[in-house]
Amino acid sequence: MTQIDINSVSKSFPVQGGRLEVLDGVSLGARSGEFVSILGPSGCGKSTLFSLLTGIEAADSGELLVGGEPLSGDDNPFAWMPQNDVLFPWRTVLDNVALGAEVAGGLGRADARARARELLATFELEEFADSRPFELSGGMRQRAALARTVAQGRDVLLLDEPFGALDALTRTDLQLWLEQIWERERWTVVLITHDVREAVLLSDRVFVLGPRPATVRLELEIPLPRPRTLETLADPQVAALEHQLLTALDVGAYRAG
């Protein structure tokens, strides 16, 4: 497993008439095998952090460390799952998942398909191996997209609001499913989310970013015992933890009156 450290990272982008400051000395990280969430208002730079980690963008200042060493584009340990599932409609579920192992995992087609079949069983999709994405429910599509991400064989999963487009019931079901899978596999996971309850339910720690240019407003340990289940949501600690996160996000600060 791989530890990630983001230390005093700043990032801006050129705009007409100057520069747009997005990140301002952000420091956060994830320990090996830890599940970390990042909360913050829309446009504050959460996804920019993933762009820096995956090498799409370069930081203006600060450092990004993996296992205590500077991040290298030659040995990137991250598998990134974007907000949309981006499944290819002309490929079967099996071939969509195998694509992750082929492209990023460096496996040949036969080995990639064998790896994909193993993951379909893990992700409860084996009976849909020959289906096309349009034949799947929203929740199954997200599971297939996550399986494709895992198939890349990387040490760290970067999940960018993977359940944000789903209805509340499906989202809760997949959150509990992901918690169960993570308990077994113990990947290092960094999750971007707008869902405070999702962050509490899944995470070991949560970082709250302020509005652009973003700084870290709060680092909050989530002391809830694992495994977490639907009954966890009834724990009085959950409401108290959610309140701390919502307060850091300034929710309600602009209410009328």
C-alpha atoms as a PDB file:
ATOM      1  CA  MET A   1       0.000   0.000   0.000  1.00  0.00           C
ATOM      2  CA  THR A   2       1.059   3.592  -0.609  1.00  0.00           C
ATOM      3  CA  GLN A   3       0.989   6.669   1.610  1.00  0.00           C
ATOM      4  CA  ILE A   4       0.184  10.008  -0.012  1.00  0.00           C
ATOM      5  CA  ASP A   5       1.267  13.405   1.305  1.00  0.00           C
ATOM      6  CA  ILE A   6       0.197  16.705  -0.249  1.00  0.00           C
ATOM      7  CA  ASN A   7       2.231  19.448   1.418  1.00  0.00           C
ATOM      8  CA  SER A   8       1.505  23.190   1.040  1.00  0.00           C
ATOM      9  CA  VAL A   9       0.365  22.808  -2.561  1.00  0.00           C
ATOM     10  CA  SER A  10      -0.827  25.850  -4.495  1.00  0.00           C
ATOM     11  CA  LYS A  11      -2.235  25.987  -8.009  1.00  0.00           C
ATOM     12  CA  SER A  12      -3.536  28.737 -10.267  1.00  0.00           C
ATOM     13  CA  PHE A  13      -4.673  28.891 -13.892  1.00  0.00           C
ATOM     14  CA  PRO A  14      -4.267  31.678 -16.460  1.00  0.00           C
ATOM     15  CA  VAL A  15      -7.461  33.604 -17.207  1.00  0.00           C
ATOM     16  CA  GLN A  16      -8.125  36.751 -19.167  1.00  0.00           C
ATOM     17  CA  GLY A  17      -6.591  39.608 -17.246  1.00  0.00           C
ATOM     18  CA  GLY A  18      -4.589  37.559 -14.773  1.00  0.00           C
ATOM     19  CA  ARG A  19      -4.625  34.232 -12.948  1.00  0.00           C
ATOM     20  CA  LEU A  20      -7.333  32.270 -11.135  1.00  0.00           C
ATOM     21  CA  GLU A  21      -6.058  31.114  -7.743  1.00  0.00           C
ATOM     22  CA  VAL A  22      -7.545  27.666  -7.025  1.00  0.00           C
ATOM     23  CA  LEU A  23      -5.462  26.035  -4.277  1.00  0.00           C
ATOM     24  CA  ASP A  24      -3.628  28.016  -1.621  1.00  0.00           C
ATOM     25  CA  GLY A  25      -1.174  25.990   0.443  1.00  0.00           C
ATOM     26  CA  VAL A  26      -3.301  22.849   0.756  1.00  0.00           C
ATOM     27  CA  SER A  27      -1.885  20.098   2.963  1.00  0.00           C
ATOM     28  CA  LEU A  28      -3.600  16.724   3.364  1.00  0.00           C
ATOM     29  CA  GLY A  29      -2.872  13.069   2.842  1.00  0.00           C
ATOM     30  CA  ALA A  30      -3.842   9.438   3.149  1.00  0.00           C
ATOM     31  CA  ARG A  31      -2.042   6.729   5.061  1.00  0.00           C
ATOM     32  CA  SER A  32      -1.530   3.311   3.516  1.00  0.00           C
ATOM     33  CA  GLY A  33      -4.821   1.418   3.446  1.00  0.00           C
ATOM     34  CA  GLU A  34      -6.783   4.428   4.695  1.00  0.00           C
ATOM     35  CA  PHE A  35     -10.095   5.725   3.352  1.00  0.00           C
ATOM     36  CA  VAL A  36      -9.997   9.530   3.154  1.00  0.00           C
ATOM     37  CA  SER A  37     -12.688  11.904   1.890  1.00  0.00           C
ATOM     38  CA  ILE A  38     -12.383  15.491   0.666  1.00  0.00           C
ATOM     39  CA  LEU A  39     -15.384  17.791   1.103  1.00  0.00           C
ATOM     40  CA  GLY A  40     -15.752  21.303  -0.219  1.00  0.00           C
ATOM     41  CA  PRO A  41     -18.009  23.673  -2.161  1.00  0.00           C
ATOM     42  CA  SER A  42     -18.336  23.337  -5.926  1.00  0.00           C
ATOM     43  CA  GLY A  43     -15.423  24.865  -7.817  1.00  0.00           C
ATOM     44  CA  CYS A  44     -13.061  24.995  -4.844  1.00  0.00           C
ATOM     45  CA  GLY A  45     -10.395  22.813  -6.464  1.00  0.00           C
ATOM     46  CA  LYS A  46     -11.144  19.286  -5.268  1.00  0.00           C
ATOM     47  CA  SER A  47     -10.838  17.760  -8.727  1.00  0.00           C
ATOM     48  CA  THR A  48      -7.739  19.907  -9.370  1.00  0.00           C
ATOM     49  CA  LEU A  49      -6.023  17.929  -6.606  1.00  0.00           C
ATOM     50  CA  PHE A  50      -6.659  14.735  -8.562  1.00  0.00           C
ATOM     51  CA  SER A  51      -5.294  16.374 -11.712  1.00  0.00           C
ATOM     52  CA  LEU A  52      -2.094  17.163  -9.806  1.00  0.00           C
ATOM     53  CA  LEU A  53      -1.772  13.643  -8.417  1.00  0.00           C
ATOM     54  CA  THR A  54      -2.270  11.995 -11.797  1.00  0.00           C
ATOM     55  CA  GLY A  55       0.118  14.363 -13.553  1.00  0.00           C
ATOM     56  CA  ILE A  56      -2.459  16.065 -15.757  1.00  0.00           C
ATOM     57  CA  GLU A  57      -1.496  19.379 -14.139  1.00  0.00           C
ATOM     58  CA  ALA A  58       1.619  20.525 -12.289  1.00  0.00           C
ATOM     59  CA  ALA A  59       1.538  22.340  -8.957  1.00  0.00           C
ATOM     60  CA  ASP A  60       2.801  25.933  -8.799  1.00  0.00           C
ATOM     61  CA  SER A  61       4.420  25.261  -5.432  1.00  0.00           C
ATOM     62  CA  GLY A  62       4.496  22.704  -2.642  1.00  0.00           C
ATOM     63  CA  GLU A  63       5.213  18.993  -2.880  1.00  0.00           C
ATOM     64  CA  LEU A  64       3.364  15.761  -3.608  1.00  0.00           C
ATOM     65  CA  LEU A  65       4.908  12.679  -2.025  1.00  0.00           C
ATOM     66  CA  VAL A  66       4.127   9.004  -2.549  1.00  0.00           C
ATOM     67  CA  GLY A  67       5.668   6.693   0.028  1.00  0.00           C
ATOM     68  CA  GLY A  68       7.813   9.612   1.181  1.00  0.00           C
ATOM     69  CA  GLU A  69       9.281  10.194  -2.283  1.00  0.00           C
ATOM     70  CA  PRO A  70       8.423  12.960  -4.788  1.00  0.00           C
ATOM     71  CA  LEU A  71       5.639  11.963  -7.171  1.00  0.00           C
ATOM     72  CA  SER A  72       7.064  10.659 -10.425  1.00  0.00           C
ATOM     73  CA  GLY A  73       5.197  10.475 -13.711  1.00  0.00           C
ATOM     74  CA  ASP A  74       7.135   7.300 -14.519  1.00  0.00           C
ATOM     75  CA  ASP A  75       5.643   5.360 -11.602  1.00  0.00           C
ATOM     76  CA  ASN A  76       2.169   6.755 -10.936  1.00  0.00           C
ATOM     77  CA  PRO A  77       0.287   4.613  -8.393  1.00  0.00           C
ATOM     78  CA  PHE A  78      -3.141   6.195  -8.930  1.00  0.00           C
ATOM     79  CA  ALA A  79      -6.251   4.829 -10.614  1.00  0.00           C
ATOM     80  CA  TRP A  80      -8.786   7.620 -11.175  1.00  0.00           C
ATOM     81  CA  MET A  81     -12.535   7.037 -11.451  1.00  0.00           C
ATOM     82  CA  PRO A  82     -14.232  10.207 -12.793  1.00  0.00           C
ATOM     83  CA  GLN A  83     -17.737  11.414 -11.955  1.00  0.00           C
ATOM     84  CA  ASN A  84     -19.290   9.804 -15.042  1.00  0.00           C
ATOM     85  CA  ASP A  85     -18.844   6.064 -15.599  1.00  0.00           C
ATOM     86  CA  VAL A  86     -17.463   6.606 -19.153  1.00  0.00           C
ATOM     87  CA  LEU A  87     -18.217   3.005 -20.145  1.00  0.00           C
ATOM     88  CA  PHE A  88     -17.864   2.358 -23.855  1.00  0.00           C
ATOM     89  CA  PRO A  89     -21.364   1.537 -25.174  1.00  0.00           C
ATOM     90  CA  TRP A  90     -20.120  -0.844 -27.879  1.00  0.00           C
ATOM     91  CA  ARG A  91     -18.162  -3.016 -25.441  1.00  0.00           C
ATOM     92  CA  THR A  92     -19.610  -5.628 -23.112  1.00  0.00           C
ATOM     93  CA  VAL A  93     -19.293  -5.217 -19.371  1.00  0.00           C
ATOM     94  CA  LEU A  94     -16.497  -7.785 -19.393  1.00  0.00           C
ATOM     95  CA  ASP A  95     -14.571  -5.936 -22.091  1.00  0.00           C
ATOM     96  CA  ASN A  96     -15.117  -2.560 -20.433  1.00  0.00           C
ATOM     97  CA  VAL A  97     -13.613  -3.870 -17.187  1.00  0.00           C
ATOM     98  CA  ALA A  98     -10.812  -5.657 -19.057  1.00  0.00           C
ATOM     99  CA  LEU A  99      -9.857  -2.357 -20.682  1.00  0.00           C
ATOM    100  CA  GLY A 100      -8.477  -1.095 -17.367  1.00  0.00           C
ATOM    101  CA  ALA A 101      -6.140  -4.081 -17.122  1.00  0.00           C
ATOM    102  CA  GLU A 102      -5.139  -3.823 -20.787  1.00  0.00           C
ATOM    103  CA  VAL A 103      -4.339  -0.113 -20.875  1.00  0.00           C
ATOM    104  CA  ALA A 104      -2.995   0.634 -17.397  1.00  0.00           C
ATOM    105  CA  GLY A 105      -2.203  -2.856 -16.140  1.00  0.00           C
ATOM    106  CA  GLY A 106      -0.180  -3.808 -19.191  1.00  0.00           C
ATOM    107  CA  LEU A 107      -1.878  -7.192 -19.612  1.00  0.00           C
ATOM    108  CA  GLY A 108      -2.590  -8.907 -22.901  1.00  0.00           C
ATOM    109  CA  ARG A 109      -6.192  -9.331 -23.971  1.00  0.00           C
ATOM    110  CA  ALA A 110      -6.588 -12.899 -22.671  1.00  0.00           C
ATOM    111  CA  ASP A 111      -5.025 -12.124 -19.275  1.00  0.00           C
ATOM    112  CA  ALA A 112      -6.993  -8.873 -19.010  1.00  0.00           C
ATOM    113  CA  ARG A 113     -10.268 -10.692 -19.637  1.00  0.00           C
ATOM    114  CA  ALA A 114      -9.361 -13.334 -17.048  1.00  0.00           C
ATOM    115  CA  ARG A 115      -8.637 -10.587 -14.505  1.00  0.00           C
ATOM    116  CA  ALA A 116     -11.890  -8.861 -15.441  1.00  0.00           C
ATOM    117  CA  ARG A 117     -13.894 -12.047 -14.835  1.00  0.00           C
ATOM    118  CA  GLU A 118     -12.448 -12.292 -11.329  1.00  0.00           C
ATOM    119  CA  LEU A 119     -13.437  -8.703 -10.629  1.00  0.00           C
ATOM    120  CA  LEU A 120     -16.951  -9.158 -11.995  1.00  0.00           C
ATOM    121  CA  ALA A 121     -17.467 -11.852  -9.362  1.00  0.00           C
ATOM    122  CA  THR A 122     -16.105  -9.577  -6.648  1.00  0.00           C
ATOM    123  CA  PHE A 123     -18.317  -6.706  -7.804  1.00  0.00           C
ATOM    124  CA  GLU A 124     -21.406  -8.951  -8.179  1.00  0.00           C
ATOM    125  CA  LEU A 125     -21.634  -8.448 -11.942  1.00  0.00           C
ATOM    126  CA  GLU A 126     -20.645 -11.877 -13.286  1.00  0.00           C
ATOM    127  CA  GLU A 127     -24.096 -12.601 -14.723  1.00  0.00           C
ATOM    128  CA  PHE A 128     -23.901  -9.352 -16.722  1.00  0.00           C
ATOM    129  CA  ALA A 129     -20.502 -10.052 -18.307  1.00  0.00           C
ATOM    130  CA  ASP A 130     -21.957 -10.108 -21.830  1.00  0.00           C
ATOM    131  CA  SER A 131     -24.355  -7.193 -21.335  1.00  0.00           C
ATOM    132  CA  ARG A 132     -23.850  -3.739 -22.827  1.00  0.00           C
ATOM    133  CA  PRO A 133     -23.806  -0.676 -20.530  1.00  0.00           C
ATOM    134  CA  PHE A 134     -27.259   0.494 -21.669  1.00  0.00           C
ATOM    135  CA  GLU A 135     -28.689  -2.742 -20.271  1.00  0.00           C
ATOM    136  CA  LEU A 136     -27.462  -1.988 -16.744  1.00  0.00           C
ATOM    137  CA  SER A 137     -29.015   0.084 -13.975  1.00  0.00           C
ATOM    138  CA  GLY A 138     -27.207   3.205 -12.801  1.00  0.00           C
ATOM    139  CA  GLY A 139     -25.840   1.393  -9.775  1.00  0.00           C
ATOM    140  CA  MET A 140     -24.535  -1.513 -11.827  1.00  0.00           C
ATOM    141  CA  ARG A 141     -22.848   0.888 -14.256  1.00  0.00           C
ATOM    142  CA  GLN A 142     -21.030   2.524 -11.345  1.00  0.00           C
ATOM    143  CA  ARG A 143     -19.939  -0.870 -10.035  1.00  0.00           C
ATOM    144  CA  ALA A 144     -18.640  -1.762 -13.489  1.00  0.00           C
ATOM    145  CA  ALA A 145     -16.753   1.545 -13.686  1.00  0.00           C
ATOM    146  CA  LEU A 146     -15.214   0.935 -10.266  1.00  0.00           C
ATOM    147  CA  ALA A 147     -14.236  -2.606 -11.298  1.00  0.00           C
ATOM    148  CA  ARG A 148     -12.507  -1.156 -14.375  1.00  0.00           C
ATOM    149  CA  THR A 149     -10.653   1.283 -12.088  1.00  0.00           C
ATOM    150  CA  VAL A 150      -9.514  -1.539  -9.780  1.00  0.00           C
ATOM    151  CA  ALA A 151      -8.461  -3.605 -12.829  1.00  0.00           C
ATOM    152  CA  GLN A 152      -5.703  -1.073 -13.476  1.00  0.00           C
ATOM    153  CA  GLY A 153      -3.778  -2.707 -10.646  1.00  0.00           C
ATOM    154  CA  ARG A 154      -2.752   0.556  -8.982  1.00  0.00           C
ATOM    155  CA  ASP A 155      -2.171   1.023  -5.253  1.00  0.00           C
ATOM    156  CA  VAL A 156      -4.434   4.052  -4.751  1.00  0.00           C
ATOM    157  CA  LEU A 157      -8.001   4.671  -5.917  1.00  0.00           C
ATOM    158  CA  LEU A 158      -9.036   8.277  -6.608  1.00  0.00           C
ATOM    159  CA  LEU A 159     -12.839   8.415  -6.657  1.00  0.00           C
ATOM    160  CA  ASP A 160     -14.379  11.666  -7.913  1.00  0.00           C
ATOM    161  CA  GLU A 161     -18.004  11.724  -6.716  1.00  0.00           C
ATOM    162  CA  PRO A 162     -18.658   8.198  -8.017  1.00  0.00           C
ATOM    163  CA  PHE A 163     -22.237   8.061  -6.703  1.00  0.00           C
ATOM    164  CA  GLY A 164     -23.219  11.723  -7.101  1.00  0.00           C
ATOM    165  CA  ALA A 165     -25.618  11.166 -10.016  1.00  0.00           C
ATOM    166  CA  LEU A 166     -27.553   8.341  -8.362  1.00  0.00           C
ATOM    167  CA  ASP A 167     -30.834   8.511  -6.467  1.00  0.00           C
ATOM    168  CA  ALA A 168     -30.642   8.494  -2.665  1.00  0.00           C
ATOM    169  CA  LEU A 169     -31.615   4.832  -2.194  1.00  0.00           C
ATOM    170  CA  THR A 170     -29.183   3.521  -4.817  1.00  0.00           C
ATOM    171  CA  ARG A 171     -26.456   5.791  -3.481  1.00  0.00           C
ATOM    172  CA  THR A 172     -26.853   4.494   0.083  1.00  0.00           C
ATOM    173  CA  ASP A 173     -26.877   0.900  -1.159  1.00  0.00           C
ATOM    174  CA  LEU A 174     -23.632   1.439  -3.080  1.00  0.00           C
ATOM    175  CA  GLN A 175     -21.998   3.270  -0.183  1.00  0.00           C
ATOM    176  CA  LEU A 176     -22.617   0.262   2.055  1.00  0.00           C
ATOM    177  CA  TRP A 177     -21.469  -2.086  -0.701  1.00  0.00           C
ATOM    178  CA  LEU A 178     -18.249  -0.087  -1.198  1.00  0.00           C
ATOM    179  CA  GLU A 179     -17.573  -0.124   2.549  1.00  0.00           C
ATOM    180  CA  GLN A 180     -17.903  -3.902   2.540  1.00  0.00           C
ATOM    181  CA  ILE A 181     -15.582  -4.340  -0.451  1.00  0.00           C
ATOM    182  CA  TRP A 182     -13.039  -1.897   0.971  1.00  0.00           C
ATOM    183  CA  GLU A 183     -13.033  -3.743   4.320  1.00  0.00           C
ATOM    184  CA  ARG A 184     -11.936  -6.860   2.444  1.00  0.00           C
ATOM    185  CA  GLU A 185      -9.451  -5.306  -0.006  1.00  0.00           C
ATOM    186  CA  ARG A 186      -8.103  -2.366   2.056  1.00  0.00           C
ATOM    187  CA  TRP A 187      -7.107  -0.167  -0.859  1.00  0.00           C
ATOM    188  CA  THR A 188      -5.831   3.325  -0.128  1.00  0.00           C
ATOM    189  CA  VAL A 189      -8.798   5.467  -1.220  1.00  0.00           C
ATOM    190  CA  VAL A 190      -9.235   9.207  -1.652  1.00  0.00           C
ATOM    191  CA  LEU A 191     -12.860  10.152  -2.276  1.00  0.00           C
ATOM    192  CA  ILE A 192     -14.190  13.516  -3.457  1.00  0.00           C
ATOM    193  CA  THR A 193     -17.783  14.008  -2.383  1.00  0.00           C
ATOM    194  CA  HIS A 194     -20.419  16.656  -1.685  1.00  0.00           C
ATOM    195  CA  ASP A 195     -22.326  14.190   0.500  1.00  0.00           C
ATOM    196  CA  VAL A 196     -21.517  14.785   4.176  1.00  0.00           C
ATOM    197  CA  ARG A 197     -23.194  11.552   5.279  1.00  0.00           C
ATOM    198  CA  GLU A 198     -21.257   9.585   2.643  1.00  0.00           C
ATOM    199  CA  ALA A 199     -18.004  11.036   3.968  1.00  0.00           C
ATOM    200  CA  VAL A 200     -18.868  10.056   7.542  1.00  0.00           C
ATOM    201  CA  LEU A 201     -20.088   6.581   6.632  1.00  0.00           C
ATOM    202  CA  LEU A 202     -17.073   5.602   4.531  1.00  0.00           C
ATOM    203  CA  SER A 203     -14.071   7.496   5.838  1.00  0.00           C
ATOM    204  CA  ASP A 204     -11.315   7.139   8.395  1.00  0.00           C
ATOM    205  CA  ARG A 205     -10.600  10.873   8.016  1.00  0.00           C
ATOM    206  CA  VAL A 206     -12.307  13.769   6.256  1.00  0.00           C
ATOM    207  CA  PHE A 207     -10.686  16.984   5.019  1.00  0.00           C
ATOM    208  CA  VAL A 208     -12.890  20.042   4.466  1.00  0.00           C
ATOM    209  CA  LEU A 209     -11.739  22.618   1.915  1.00  0.00           C
ATOM    210  CA  GLY A 210     -12.924  26.214   1.929  1.00  0.00           C
ATOM    211  CA  PRO A 211     -14.033  28.195  -1.138  1.00  0.00           C
ATOM    212  CA  ARG A 212     -11.531  29.129  -3.843  1.00  0.00           C
ATOM    213  CA  PRO A 213      -8.657  29.682  -3.349  1.00  0.00           C
ATOM    214  CA  ALA A 214      -9.015  26.604  -1.185  1.00  0.00           C
ATOM    215  CA  THR A 215      -7.302  25.953   2.098  1.00  0.00           C
ATOM    216  CA  VAL A 216      -7.942  23.079   4.523  1.00  0.00           C
ATOM    217  CA  ARG A 217     -10.510  24.264   7.057  1.00  0.00           C
ATOM    218  CA  LEU A 218     -10.846  21.028   9.020  1.00  0.00           C
ATOM    219  CA  GLU A 219      -9.258  17.603   9.357  1.00  0.00           C
ATOM    220  CA  LEU A 220     -11.704  15.307  11.142  1.00  0.00           C
ATOM    221  CA  GLU A 221     -11.082  11.770  12.370  1.00  0.00           C
ATOM    222  CA  ILE A 222     -14.115   9.485  12.043  1.00  0.00           C
ATOM    223  CA  PRO A 223     -14.008   7.195  15.105  1.00  0.00           C
ATOM    224  CA  LEU A 224     -16.985   5.019  14.161  1.00  0.00           C
ATOM    225  CA  PRO A 225     -16.270   1.284  14.495  1.00  0.00           C
ATOM    226  CA  ARG A 226     -16.049  -0.907  11.410  1.00  0.00           C
ATOM    227  CA  PRO A 227     -17.610  -2.644   9.651  1.00  0.00           C
ATOM    228  CA  ARG A 228     -20.187   0.089   9.100  1.00  0.00           C
ATOM    229  CA  THR A 229     -23.733  -0.862   8.253  1.00  0.00           C
ATOM    230  CA  LEU A 230     -27.135   0.725   7.867  1.00  0.00           C
ATOM    231  CA  GLU A 231     -27.399   0.656  11.666  1.00  0.00           C
ATOM    232  CA  THR A 232     -24.313   2.883  11.842  1.00  0.00           C
ATOM    233  CA  LEU A 233     -26.399   5.751  10.487  1.00  0.00           C
ATOM    234  CA  ALA A 234     -28.517   5.595  13.665  1.00  0.00           C
ATOM    235  CA  ASP A 235     -25.453   6.113  15.887  1.00  0.00           C
ATOM    236  CA  PRO A 236     -25.690   9.508  17.684  1.00  0.00           C
ATOM    237  CA  GLN A 237     -22.041  10.120  16.784  1.00  0.00           C
ATOM    238  CA  VAL A 238     -23.010  10.337  13.102  1.00  0.00           C
ATOM    239  CA  ALA A 239     -25.161  13.426  13.636  1.00  0.00           C
ATOM    240  CA  ALA A 240     -22.433  15.063  15.734  1.00  0.00           C
ATOM    241  CA  LEU A 241     -19.776  14.369  13.092  1.00  0.00           C
ATOM    242  CA  GLU A 242     -22.032  15.638  10.305  1.00  0.00           C
ATOM    243  CA  HIS A 243     -22.628  18.813  12.298  1.00  0.00           C
ATOM    244  CA  GLN A 244     -18.885  19.447  12.603  1.00  0.00           C
ATOM    245  CA  LEU A 245     -18.440  19.014   8.851  1.00  0.00           C
ATOM    246  CA  LEU A 246     -21.431  21.195   7.966  1.00  0.00           C
ATOM    247  CA  THR A 247     -20.178  23.899  10.336  1.00  0.00           C
ATOM    248  CA  ALA A 248     -16.751  23.856   8.654  1.00  0.00           C
ATOM    249  CA  LEU A 249     -18.502  24.151   5.294  1.00  0.00           C
ATOM    250  CA  ASP A 250     -20.473  27.182   6.559  1.00  0.00           C
ATOM    251  CA  VAL A 251     -23.756  25.532   5.630  1.00  0.00           C
ATOM    252  CA  GLY A 252     -26.583  27.818   6.752  1.00  0.00           C
ATOM    253  CA  ALA A 253     -24.333  30.862   7.018  1.00  0.00           C
ATOM    254  CA  TYR A 254     -26.203  32.611   4.213  1.00  0.00           C
ATOM    255  CA  ARG A 255     -29.769  31.769   5.171  1.00  0.00           C
ATOM    256  CA  ALA A 256     -32.326  34.511   4.772  1.00  0.00           C
ATOM    257  CA  GLY A 257     -33.114  36.733   7.710  1.00  0.00           C
END
